PDB file of N, CA and C in Angstrom:
ATOM      1  N   MET A   1      -1.224 -38.320-105.264  1.00  0.00           N
ATOM      2  CA  MET A   1      -1.548 -37.364-104.228  1.00  0.00           C
ATOM      3  C   MET A   1      -0.663 -36.135-104.401  1.00  0.00           C
ATOM      4  N   GLY A   2      -1.206 -34.991-104.040  1.00  0.00           N
ATOM      5  CA  GLY A   2      -0.497 -33.724-104.168  1.00  0.00           C
ATOM      6  C   GLY A   2       0.450 -33.467-103.011  1.00  0.00           C
ATOM      7  N   MET A   3       0.763 -32.228-102.844  1.00  0.00           N
ATOM      8  CA  MET A   3       1.684 -31.796-101.787  1.00  0.00           C
ATOM      9  C   MET A   3       0.971 -31.708-100.439  1.00  0.00           C
ATOM     10  N   LYS A   4       1.754 -31.777 -99.367  1.00  0.00           N
ATOM     11  CA  LYS A   4       1.242 -31.538 -98.019  1.00  0.00           C
ATOM     12  C   LYS A   4       1.720 -30.156 -97.604  1.00  0.00           C
ATOM     13  N   ILE A   5       0.754 -29.263 -97.403  1.00  0.00           N
ATOM     14  CA  ILE A   5       1.038 -27.868 -97.099  1.00  0.00           C
ATOM     15  C   ILE A   5       0.670 -27.599 -95.645  1.00  0.00           C
ATOM     16  N   GLY A   6       1.625 -27.125 -94.867  1.00  0.00           N
ATOM     17  CA  GLY A   6       1.382 -26.814 -93.470  1.00  0.00           C
ATOM     18  C   GLY A   6       1.127 -25.331 -93.276  1.00  0.00           C
ATOM     19  N   TYR A   7       0.364 -25.017 -92.230  1.00  0.00           N
ATOM     20  CA  TYR A   7       0.117 -23.623 -91.856  1.00  0.00           C
ATOM     21  C   TYR A   7       0.250 -23.516 -90.346  1.00  0.00           C
ATOM     22  N   ALA A   8       1.127 -22.621 -89.893  1.00  0.00           N
ATOM     23  CA  ALA A   8       1.351 -22.401 -88.466  1.00  0.00           C
ATOM     24  C   ALA A   8       1.121 -20.928 -88.160  1.00  0.00           C
ATOM     25  N   ARG A   9       0.460 -20.662 -87.006  1.00  0.00           N
ATOM     26  CA  ARG A   9       0.185 -19.280 -86.625  1.00  0.00           C
ATOM     27  C   ARG A   9       0.244 -19.133 -85.125  1.00  0.00           C
ATOM     28  N   VAL A  10       0.832 -18.040 -84.689  1.00  0.00           N
ATOM     29  CA  VAL A  10       0.727 -17.603 -83.301  1.00  0.00           C
ATOM     30  C   VAL A  10       0.131 -16.206 -83.311  1.00  0.00           C
ATOM     31  N   SER A  11      -0.437 -15.813 -82.176  1.00  0.00           N
ATOM     32  CA  SER A  11      -1.184 -14.562 -82.130  1.00  0.00           C
ATOM     33  C   SER A  11      -0.346 -13.316 -81.921  1.00  0.00           C
ATOM     34  N   SER A  12       0.816 -13.465 -81.296  1.00  0.00           N
ATOM     35  CA  SER A  12       1.593 -12.264 -80.993  1.00  0.00           C
ATOM     36  C   SER A  12       3.081 -12.500 -81.228  1.00  0.00           C
ATOM     37  N   ALA A  13       3.805 -11.400 -81.348  1.00  0.00           N
ATOM     38  CA  ALA A  13       5.237 -11.460 -81.626  1.00  0.00           C
ATOM     39  C   ALA A  13       6.000 -12.178 -80.522  1.00  0.00           C
ATOM     40  N   GLY A  14       5.499 -12.161 -79.293  1.00  0.00           N
ATOM     41  CA  GLY A  14       6.187 -12.803 -78.183  1.00  0.00           C
ATOM     42  C   GLY A  14       6.052 -14.315 -78.160  1.00  0.00           C
ATOM     43  N   GLN A  15       5.117 -14.858 -78.906  1.00  0.00           N
ATOM     44  CA  GLN A  15       4.906 -16.300 -78.939  1.00  0.00           C
ATOM     45  C   GLN A  15       5.804 -16.934 -79.999  1.00  0.00           C
ATOM     46  N   LYS A  16       6.081 -18.220 -79.825  1.00  0.00           N
ATOM     47  CA  LYS A  16       6.958 -18.925 -80.751  1.00  0.00           C
ATOM     48  C   LYS A  16       6.199 -19.972 -81.547  1.00  0.00           C
ATOM     49  N   LEU A  17       6.621 -20.153 -82.783  1.00  0.00           N
ATOM     50  CA  LEU A  17       6.033 -21.132 -83.682  1.00  0.00           C
ATOM     51  C   LEU A  17       6.673 -22.509 -83.555  1.00  0.00           C
ATOM     52  N   ASP A  18       7.706 -22.643 -82.737  1.00  0.00           N
ATOM     53  CA  ASP A  18       8.529 -23.849 -82.701  1.00  0.00           C
ATOM     54  C   ASP A  18       7.744 -25.156 -82.567  1.00  0.00           C
ATOM     55  N   LEU A  19       6.822 -25.237 -81.630  1.00  0.00           N
ATOM     56  CA  LEU A  19       6.087 -26.483 -81.423  1.00  0.00           C
ATOM     57  C   LEU A  19       5.268 -26.864 -82.650  1.00  0.00           C
ATOM     58  N   GLN A  20       4.603 -25.874 -83.229  1.00  0.00           N
ATOM     59  CA  GLN A  20       3.819 -26.159 -84.431  1.00  0.00           C
ATOM     60  C   GLN A  20       4.732 -26.570 -85.583  1.00  0.00           C
ATOM     61  N   LEU A  21       5.842 -25.872 -85.742  1.00  0.00           N
ATOM     62  CA  LEU A  21       6.765 -26.182 -86.840  1.00  0.00           C
ATOM     63  C   LEU A  21       7.352 -27.577 -86.686  1.00  0.00           C
ATOM     64  N   ASP A  22       7.632 -27.997 -85.462  1.00  0.00           N
ATOM     65  CA  ASP A  22       8.116 -29.363 -85.232  1.00  0.00           C
ATOM     66  C   ASP A  22       7.087 -30.387 -85.694  1.00  0.00           C
ATOM     67  N   ARG A  23       5.824 -30.139 -85.395  1.00  0.00           N
ATOM     68  CA  ARG A  23       4.748 -31.070 -85.786  1.00  0.00           C
ATOM     69  C   ARG A  23       4.496 -31.062 -87.286  1.00  0.00           C
ATOM     70  N   LEU A  24       4.793 -29.949 -87.934  1.00  0.00           N
ATOM     71  CA  LEU A  24       4.542 -29.814 -89.370  1.00  0.00           C
ATOM     72  C   LEU A  24       5.783 -30.081 -90.223  1.00  0.00           C
ATOM     73  N   ALA A  25       6.871 -30.470 -89.607  1.00  0.00           N
ATOM     74  CA  ALA A  25       8.168 -30.561 -90.288  1.00  0.00           C
ATOM     75  C   ALA A  25       8.173 -31.452 -91.528  1.00  0.00           C
ATOM     76  N   ALA A  26       7.380 -32.474 -91.576  1.00  0.00           N
ATOM     77  CA  ALA A  26       7.397 -33.408 -92.704  1.00  0.00           C
ATOM     78  C   ALA A  26       6.575 -32.917 -93.898  1.00  0.00           C
ATOM     79  N   ARG A  27       6.089 -31.718 -93.855  1.00  0.00           N
ATOM     80  CA  ARG A  27       5.271 -31.186 -94.952  1.00  0.00           C
ATOM     81  C   ARG A  27       6.161 -30.653 -96.066  1.00  0.00           C
ATOM     82  N   ASP A  28       5.610 -30.586 -97.273  1.00  0.00           N
ATOM     83  CA  ASP A  28       6.366 -30.094 -98.428  1.00  0.00           C
ATOM     84  C   ASP A  28       6.665 -28.606 -98.335  1.00  0.00           C
ATOM     85  N   ARG A  29       5.736 -27.871 -97.758  1.00  0.00           N
ATOM     86  CA  ARG A  29       5.915 -26.425 -97.593  1.00  0.00           C
ATOM     87  C   ARG A  29       5.114 -25.991 -96.377  1.00  0.00           C
ATOM     88  N   ILE A  30       5.658 -25.030 -95.623  1.00  0.00           N
ATOM     89  CA  ILE A  30       4.965 -24.520 -94.442  1.00  0.00           C
ATOM     90  C   ILE A  30       4.846 -23.007 -94.544  1.00  0.00           C
ATOM     91  N   PHE A  31       3.632 -22.531 -94.417  1.00  0.00           N
ATOM     92  CA  PHE A  31       3.367 -21.095 -94.333  1.00  0.00           C
ATOM     93  C   PHE A  31       3.249 -20.763 -92.861  1.00  0.00           C
ATOM     94  N   ARG A  32       3.861 -19.675 -92.421  1.00  0.00           N
ATOM     95  CA  ARG A  32       3.855 -19.320 -90.999  1.00  0.00           C
ATOM     96  C   ARG A  32       3.640 -17.828 -90.826  1.00  0.00           C
ATOM     97  N   GLU A  33       2.933 -17.486 -89.754  1.00  0.00           N
ATOM     98  CA  GLU A  33       2.745 -16.059 -89.469  1.00  0.00           C
ATOM     99  C   GLU A  33       2.450 -15.805 -88.007  1.00  0.00           C
ATOM    100  N   LYS A  34       2.687 -14.562 -87.632  1.00  0.00           N
ATOM    101  CA  LYS A  34       2.351 -14.077 -86.295  1.00  0.00           C
ATOM    102  C   LYS A  34       1.282 -13.013 -86.490  1.00  0.00           C
ATOM    103  N   ALA A  35       0.044 -13.423 -86.252  1.00  0.00           N
ATOM    104  CA  ALA A  35      -1.093 -12.533 -86.479  1.00  0.00           C
ATOM    105  C   ALA A  35      -2.267 -13.003 -85.634  1.00  0.00           C
ATOM    106  N   SER A  36      -3.105 -12.088 -85.244  1.00  0.00           N
ATOM    107  CA  SER A  36      -4.311 -12.419 -84.490  1.00  0.00           C
ATOM    108  C   SER A  36      -5.201 -13.343 -85.317  1.00  0.00           C
ATOM    109  N   GLY A  37      -5.834 -14.282 -84.625  1.00  0.00           N
ATOM    110  CA  GLY A  37      -6.722 -15.205 -85.306  1.00  0.00           C
ATOM    111  C   GLY A  37      -8.170 -14.799 -85.248  1.00  0.00           C
ATOM    112  N   ARG A  38      -8.449 -13.601 -84.751  1.00  0.00           N
ATOM    113  CA  ARG A  38      -9.846 -13.168 -84.630  1.00  0.00           C
ATOM    114  C   ARG A  38     -10.577 -13.187 -85.952  1.00  0.00           C
ATOM    115  N   SER A  39      -9.849 -12.918 -87.017  1.00  0.00           N
ATOM    116  CA  SER A  39     -10.455 -12.909 -88.344  1.00  0.00           C
ATOM    117  C   SER A  39      -9.442 -13.416 -89.357  1.00  0.00           C
ATOM    118  N   ALA A  40      -9.927 -14.069 -90.393  1.00  0.00           N
ATOM    119  CA  ALA A  40      -9.044 -14.528 -91.474  1.00  0.00           C
ATOM    120  C   ALA A  40      -8.578 -13.349 -92.312  1.00  0.00           C
ATOM    121  N   LYS A  41      -9.313 -12.250 -92.245  1.00  0.00           N
ATOM    122  CA  LYS A  41      -8.926 -11.057 -92.999  1.00  0.00           C
ATOM    123  C   LYS A  41      -7.634 -10.492 -92.439  1.00  0.00           C
ATOM    124  N   GLY A  42      -6.743 -10.104 -93.309  1.00  0.00           N
ATOM    125  CA  GLY A  42      -5.493  -9.513 -92.883  1.00  0.00           C
ATOM    126  C   GLY A  42      -4.410 -10.525 -92.545  1.00  0.00           C
ATOM    127  N   ARG A  43      -4.703 -11.813 -92.658  1.00  0.00           N
ATOM    128  CA  ARG A  43      -3.694 -12.840 -92.415  1.00  0.00           C
ATOM    129  C   ARG A  43      -3.083 -13.228 -93.763  1.00  0.00           C
ATOM    130  N   LEU A  44      -2.047 -12.496 -94.120  1.00  0.00           N
ATOM    131  CA  LEU A  44      -1.431 -12.608 -95.437  1.00  0.00           C
ATOM    132  C   LEU A  44      -0.922 -14.011 -95.740  1.00  0.00           C
ATOM    133  N   GLU A  45      -0.266 -14.659 -94.783  1.00  0.00           N
ATOM    134  CA  GLU A  45       0.283 -15.993 -95.047  1.00  0.00           C
ATOM    135  C   GLU A  45      -0.816 -17.046 -95.178  1.00  0.00           C
ATOM    136  N   LEU A  46      -1.918 -16.878 -94.457  1.00  0.00           N
ATOM    137  CA  LEU A  46      -3.051 -17.783 -94.656  1.00  0.00           C
ATOM    138  C   LEU A  46      -3.571 -17.638 -96.072  1.00  0.00           C
ATOM    139  N   GLN A  47      -3.738 -16.401 -96.512  1.00  0.00           N
ATOM    140  CA  GLN A  47      -4.217 -16.180 -97.882  1.00  0.00           C
ATOM    141  C   GLN A  47      -3.230 -16.736 -98.904  1.00  0.00           C
ATOM    142  N   ASN A  48      -1.933 -16.536 -98.661  1.00  0.00           N
ATOM    143  CA  ASN A  48      -0.918 -17.093 -99.565  1.00  0.00           C
ATOM    144  C   ASN A  48      -1.010 -18.615 -99.626  1.00  0.00           C
ATOM    145  N   ALA A  49      -1.206 -19.248 -98.476  1.00  0.00           N
ATOM    146  CA  ALA A  49      -1.330 -20.708 -98.430  1.00  0.00           C
ATOM    147  C   ALA A  49      -2.566 -21.173 -99.193  1.00  0.00           C
ATOM    148  N   LEU A  50      -3.683 -20.487 -98.985  1.00  0.00           N
ATOM    149  CA  LEU A  50      -4.920 -20.864 -99.685  1.00  0.00           C
ATOM    150  C   LEU A  50      -4.810 -20.627-101.190  1.00  0.00           C
ATOM    151  N   ASP A  51      -4.073 -19.612-101.584  1.00  0.00           N
ATOM    152  CA  ASP A  51      -3.832 -19.372-103.015  1.00  0.00           C
ATOM    153  C   ASP A  51      -2.899 -20.430-103.597  1.00  0.00           C
ATOM    154  N   PHE A  52      -1.951 -20.900-102.798  1.00  0.00           N
ATOM    155  CA  PHE A  52      -0.927 -21.831-103.248  1.00  0.00           C
ATOM    156  C   PHE A  52      -1.454 -23.248-103.471  1.00  0.00           C
ATOM    157  N   VAL A  53      -2.335 -23.733-102.593  1.00  0.00           N
ATOM    158  CA  VAL A  53      -2.782 -25.130-102.659  1.00  0.00           C
ATOM    159  C   VAL A  53      -3.515 -25.418-103.963  1.00  0.00           C
ATOM    160  N   ARG A  54      -3.342 -26.671-104.402  1.00  0.00           N
ATOM    161  CA  ARG A  54      -3.923 -27.125-105.666  1.00  0.00           C
ATOM    162  C   ARG A  54      -4.666 -28.445-105.473  1.00  0.00           C
ATOM    163  N   ASP A  55      -5.368 -28.840-106.496  1.00  0.00           N
ATOM    164  CA  ASP A  55      -6.108 -30.096-106.532  1.00  0.00           C
ATOM    165  C   ASP A  55      -5.265 -31.251-105.984  1.00  0.00           C
ATOM    166  N   GLU A  56      -5.831 -31.990-105.050  1.00  0.00           N
ATOM    167  CA  GLU A  56      -5.235 -33.160-104.411  1.00  0.00           C
ATOM    168  C   GLU A  56      -4.184 -32.833-103.357  1.00  0.00           C
ATOM    169  N   ASP A  57      -3.927 -31.557-103.063  1.00  0.00           N
ATOM    170  CA  ASP A  57      -3.032 -31.211-101.960  1.00  0.00           C
ATOM    171  C   ASP A  57      -3.738 -31.490-100.641  1.00  0.00           C
ATOM    172  N   VAL A  58      -2.967 -31.506 -99.568  1.00  0.00           N
ATOM    173  CA  VAL A  58      -3.498 -31.664 -98.215  1.00  0.00           C
ATOM    174  C   VAL A  58      -3.027 -30.461 -97.406  1.00  0.00           C
ATOM    175  N   PHE A  59      -3.978 -29.745 -96.808  1.00  0.00           N
ATOM    176  CA  PHE A  59      -3.702 -28.568 -95.996  1.00  0.00           C
ATOM    177  C   PHE A  59      -3.696 -29.018 -94.540  1.00  0.00           C
ATOM    178  N   VAL A  60      -2.572 -28.824 -93.836  1.00  0.00           N
ATOM    179  CA  VAL A  60      -2.392 -29.381 -92.502  1.00  0.00           C
ATOM    180  C   VAL A  60      -2.150 -28.274 -91.483  1.00  0.00           C
ATOM    181  N   VAL A  61      -2.883 -28.344 -90.366  1.00  0.00           N
ATOM    182  CA  VAL A  61      -2.655 -27.469 -89.212  1.00  0.00           C
ATOM    183  C   VAL A  61      -2.591 -28.344 -87.969  1.00  0.00           C
ATOM    184  N   THR A  62      -1.969 -27.831 -86.916  1.00  0.00           N
ATOM    185  CA  THR A  62      -1.866 -28.627 -85.696  1.00  0.00           C
ATOM    186  C   THR A  62      -3.178 -28.641 -84.923  1.00  0.00           C
ATOM    187  N   THR A  63      -3.823 -27.487 -84.800  1.00  0.00           N
ATOM    188  CA  THR A  63      -5.105 -27.397 -84.099  1.00  0.00           C
ATOM    189  C   THR A  63      -6.028 -26.469 -84.878  1.00  0.00           C
ATOM    190  N   LEU A  64      -7.306 -26.677 -84.713  1.00  0.00           N
ATOM    191  CA  LEU A  64      -8.302 -25.902 -85.447  1.00  0.00           C
ATOM    192  C   LEU A  64      -8.221 -24.412 -85.150  1.00  0.00           C
ATOM    193  N   ASP A  65      -7.884 -24.045 -83.911  1.00  0.00           N
ATOM    194  CA  ASP A  65      -7.829 -22.624 -83.568  1.00  0.00           C
ATOM    195  C   ASP A  65      -6.650 -21.904 -84.223  1.00  0.00           C
ATOM    196  N   ARG A  66      -5.682 -22.635 -84.753  1.00  0.00           N
ATOM    197  CA  ARG A  66      -4.593 -22.004 -85.514  1.00  0.00           C
ATOM    198  C   ARG A  66      -5.089 -21.589 -86.893  1.00  0.00           C
ATOM    199  N   LEU A  67      -6.138 -22.249 -87.368  1.00  0.00           N
ATOM    200  CA  LEU A  67      -6.700 -21.959 -88.681  1.00  0.00           C
ATOM    201  C   LEU A  67      -7.773 -20.884 -88.602  1.00  0.00           C
ATOM    202  N   ALA A  68      -8.700 -21.016 -87.664  1.00  0.00           N
ATOM    203  CA  ALA A  68      -9.819 -20.072 -87.570  1.00  0.00           C
ATOM    204  C   ALA A  68     -10.318 -19.994 -86.138  1.00  0.00           C
ATOM    205  N   ARG A  69     -10.775 -18.816 -85.753  1.00  0.00           N
ATOM    206  CA  ARG A  69     -11.326 -18.627 -84.416  1.00  0.00           C
ATOM    207  C   ARG A  69     -12.832 -18.413 -84.442  1.00  0.00           C
ATOM    208  N   SER A  70     -13.407 -18.304 -85.636  1.00  0.00           N
ATOM    209  CA  SER A  70     -14.861 -18.151 -85.734  1.00  0.00           C
ATOM    210  C   SER A  70     -15.404 -19.172 -86.729  1.00  0.00           C
ATOM    211  N   VAL A  71     -16.651 -19.542 -86.512  1.00  0.00           N
ATOM    212  CA  VAL A  71     -17.307 -20.486 -87.407  1.00  0.00           C
ATOM    213  C   VAL A  71     -17.423 -19.896 -88.811  1.00  0.00           C
ATOM    214  N   VAL A  72     -17.661 -18.612 -88.898  1.00  0.00           N
ATOM    215  CA  VAL A  72     -17.792 -17.950 -90.197  1.00  0.00           C
ATOM    216  C   VAL A  72     -16.483 -18.054 -90.981  1.00  0.00           C
ATOM    217  N   ASP A  73     -15.358 -17.735 -90.329  1.00  0.00           N
ATOM    218  CA  ASP A  73     -14.066 -17.839 -91.004  1.00  0.00           C
ATOM    219  C   ASP A  73     -13.750 -19.287 -91.370  1.00  0.00           C
ATOM    220  N   LEU A  74     -14.008 -20.206 -90.449  1.00  0.00           N
ATOM    221  CA  LEU A  74     -13.740 -21.615 -90.720  1.00  0.00           C
ATOM    222  C   LEU A  74     -14.551 -22.098 -91.917  1.00  0.00           C
ATOM    223  N   ALA A  75     -15.822 -21.734 -91.964  1.00  0.00           N
ATOM    224  CA  ALA A  75     -16.668 -22.146 -93.092  1.00  0.00           C
ATOM    225  C   ALA A  75     -16.121 -21.599 -94.412  1.00  0.00           C
ATOM    226  N   GLY A  76     -15.686 -20.359 -94.414  1.00  0.00           N
ATOM    227  CA  GLY A  76     -15.127 -19.773 -95.632  1.00  0.00           C
ATOM    228  C   GLY A  76     -13.850 -20.475 -96.079  1.00  0.00           C
ATOM    229  N   ILE A  77     -12.985 -20.801 -95.125  1.00  0.00           N
ATOM    230  CA  ILE A  77     -11.737 -21.495 -95.442  1.00  0.00           C
ATOM    231  C   ILE A  77     -12.029 -22.894 -95.973  1.00  0.00           C
ATOM    232  N   VAL A  78     -12.929 -23.614 -95.320  1.00  0.00           N
ATOM    233  CA  VAL A  78     -13.285 -24.961 -95.756  1.00  0.00           C
ATOM    234  C   VAL A  78     -13.913 -24.922 -97.150  1.00  0.00           C
ATOM    235  N   GLN A  79     -14.757 -23.936 -97.423  1.00  0.00           N
ATOM    236  CA  GLN A  79     -15.345 -23.811 -98.756  1.00  0.00           C
ATOM    237  C   GLN A  79     -14.265 -23.581 -99.806  1.00  0.00           C
ATOM    238  N   THR A  80     -13.285 -22.758 -99.490  1.00  0.00           N
ATOM    239  CA  THR A  80     -12.177 -22.516-100.414  1.00  0.00           C
ATOM    240  C   THR A  80     -11.423 -23.815-100.683  1.00  0.00           C
ATOM    241  N   LEU A  81     -11.121 -24.565 -99.625  1.00  0.00           N
ATOM    242  CA  LEU A  81     -10.407 -25.827 -99.792  1.00  0.00           C
ATOM    243  C   LEU A  81     -11.228 -26.827-100.602  1.00  0.00           C
ATOM    244  N   GLU A  82     -12.520 -26.920-100.322  1.00  0.00           N
ATOM    245  CA  GLU A  82     -13.381 -27.837-101.073  1.00  0.00           C
ATOM    246  C   GLU A  82     -13.452 -27.455-102.543  1.00  0.00           C
ATOM    247  N   ARG A  83     -13.588 -26.165-102.816  1.00  0.00           N
ATOM    248  CA  ARG A  83     -13.672 -25.685-104.201  1.00  0.00           C
ATOM    249  C   ARG A  83     -12.398 -26.035-104.977  1.00  0.00           C
ATOM    250  N   LYS A  84     -11.268 -25.982-104.280  1.00  0.00           N
ATOM    251  CA  LYS A  84      -9.982 -26.281-104.907  1.00  0.00           C
ATOM    252  C   LYS A  84      -9.636 -27.775-104.848  1.00  0.00           C
ATOM    253  N   LYS A  85     -10.546 -28.591-104.275  1.00  0.00           N
ATOM    254  CA  LYS A  85     -10.340 -30.035-104.123  1.00  0.00           C
ATOM    255  C   LYS A  85      -9.099 -30.347-103.292  1.00  0.00           C
ATOM    256  N   VAL A  86      -8.974 -29.624-102.181  1.00  0.00           N
ATOM    257  CA  VAL A  86      -7.862 -29.786-101.245  1.00  0.00           C
ATOM    258  C   VAL A  86      -8.415 -30.376 -99.952  1.00  0.00           C
ATOM    259  N   ASN A  87      -7.754 -31.408 -99.439  1.00  0.00           N
ATOM    260  CA  ASN A  87      -8.168 -32.029 -98.181  1.00  0.00           C
ATOM    261  C   ASN A  87      -7.608 -31.251 -97.000  1.00  0.00           C
ATOM    262  N   LEU A  88      -8.266 -31.392 -95.853  1.00  0.00           N
ATOM    263  CA  LEU A  88      -7.870 -30.723 -94.621  1.00  0.00           C
ATOM    264  C   LEU A  88      -7.528 -31.766 -93.568  1.00  0.00           C
ATOM    265  N   VAL A  89      -6.404 -31.552 -92.865  1.00  0.00           N
ATOM    266  CA  VAL A  89      -6.029 -32.391 -91.732  1.00  0.00           C
ATOM    267  C   VAL A  89      -5.734 -31.472 -90.551  1.00  0.00           C
ATOM    268  N   VAL A  90      -6.384 -31.750 -89.416  1.00  0.00           N
ATOM    269  CA  VAL A  90      -6.126 -31.039 -88.169  1.00  0.00           C
ATOM    270  C   VAL A  90      -5.558 -32.092 -87.220  1.00  0.00           C
ATOM    271  N   LEU A  91      -4.255 -32.050 -87.006  1.00  0.00           N
ATOM    272  CA  LEU A  91      -3.542 -33.120 -86.315  1.00  0.00           C
ATOM    273  C   LEU A  91      -4.095 -33.433 -84.925  1.00  0.00           C
ATOM    274  N   ASP A  92      -4.234 -32.445 -84.064  1.00  0.00           N
ATOM    275  CA  ASP A  92      -4.602 -32.708 -82.670  1.00  0.00           C
ATOM    276  C   ASP A  92      -6.066 -33.076 -82.459  1.00  0.00           C
ATOM    277  N   GLN A  93      -6.924 -32.735 -83.388  1.00  0.00           N
ATOM    278  CA  GLN A  93      -8.340 -33.049 -83.220  1.00  0.00           C
ATOM    279  C   GLN A  93      -8.772 -34.257 -84.045  1.00  0.00           C
ATOM    280  N   GLY A  94      -7.868 -34.854 -84.796  1.00  0.00           N
ATOM    281  CA  GLY A  94      -8.220 -36.038 -85.584  1.00  0.00           C
ATOM    282  C   GLY A  94      -9.156 -35.741 -86.733  1.00  0.00           C
ATOM    283  N   ILE A  95      -9.195 -34.504 -87.182  1.00  0.00           N
ATOM    284  CA  ILE A  95     -10.026 -34.148 -88.332  1.00  0.00           C
ATOM    285  C   ILE A  95      -9.207 -34.405 -89.585  1.00  0.00           C
ATOM    286  N   GLU A  96      -9.780 -35.181 -90.484  1.00  0.00           N
ATOM    287  CA  GLU A  96      -9.055 -35.525 -91.704  1.00  0.00           C
ATOM    288  C   GLU A  96     -10.057 -35.836 -92.805  1.00  0.00           C
ATOM    289  N   THR A  97      -9.989 -35.087 -93.885  1.00  0.00           N
ATOM    290  CA  THR A  97     -10.918 -35.312 -94.997  1.00  0.00           C
ATOM    291  C   THR A  97     -10.287 -36.163 -96.096  1.00  0.00           C
ATOM    292  N   THR A  98      -9.089 -36.712 -95.833  1.00  0.00           N
ATOM    293  CA  THR A  98      -8.408 -37.519 -96.842  1.00  0.00           C
ATOM    294  C   THR A  98      -8.921 -38.941 -96.921  1.00  0.00           C
ATOM    295  N   THR A  99      -9.645 -39.392 -95.881  1.00  0.00           N
ATOM    296  CA  THR A  99     -10.211 -40.747 -95.872  1.00  0.00           C
ATOM    297  C   THR A  99     -11.662 -40.672 -95.438  1.00  0.00           C
ATOM    298  N   MET A 100     -12.370 -41.750 -95.648  1.00  0.00           N
ATOM    299  CA  MET A 100     -13.778 -41.773 -95.218  1.00  0.00           C
ATOM    300  C   MET A 100     -13.901 -41.895 -93.709  1.00  0.00           C
ATOM    301  N   TYR A 101     -12.808 -42.137 -93.012  1.00  0.00           N
ATOM    302  CA  TYR A 101     -12.839 -42.278 -91.562  1.00  0.00           C
ATOM    303  C   TYR A 101     -12.596 -40.981 -90.825  1.00  0.00           C
ATOM    304  N   GLY A 102     -12.116 -39.963 -91.522  1.00  0.00           N
ATOM    305  CA  GLY A 102     -11.897 -38.652 -90.903  1.00  0.00           C
ATOM    306  C   GLY A 102     -13.231 -37.978 -90.640  1.00  0.00           C
ATOM    307  N   LEU A 103     -13.221 -36.977 -89.824  1.00  0.00           N
ATOM    308  CA  LEU A 103     -14.459 -36.253 -89.513  1.00  0.00           C
ATOM    309  C   LEU A 103     -14.865 -35.356 -90.636  1.00  0.00           C
TER     310      LEU A 103
END
């Protein structure tokens, strides 16, 4: 199995990443940013994370809304992960593509 890569995001400078970082602490690497989630465009650390992941890695977020706020963006991110053979885990929603039991 590859690395476990975490991604944490808050929408504004006044918000803190602490809770997400605590939940993602056991990951091999964590990408973090303070940026609006309205669009995946312009989220530099998300793009860096998607560029970084490799075959058999696991991409982990705490909640789905930290990853994407629109179905279009989510579909694009999932397609990128699938193309790179990277699994997705969303901790709070029980979404996990690493086993046949995940959603």
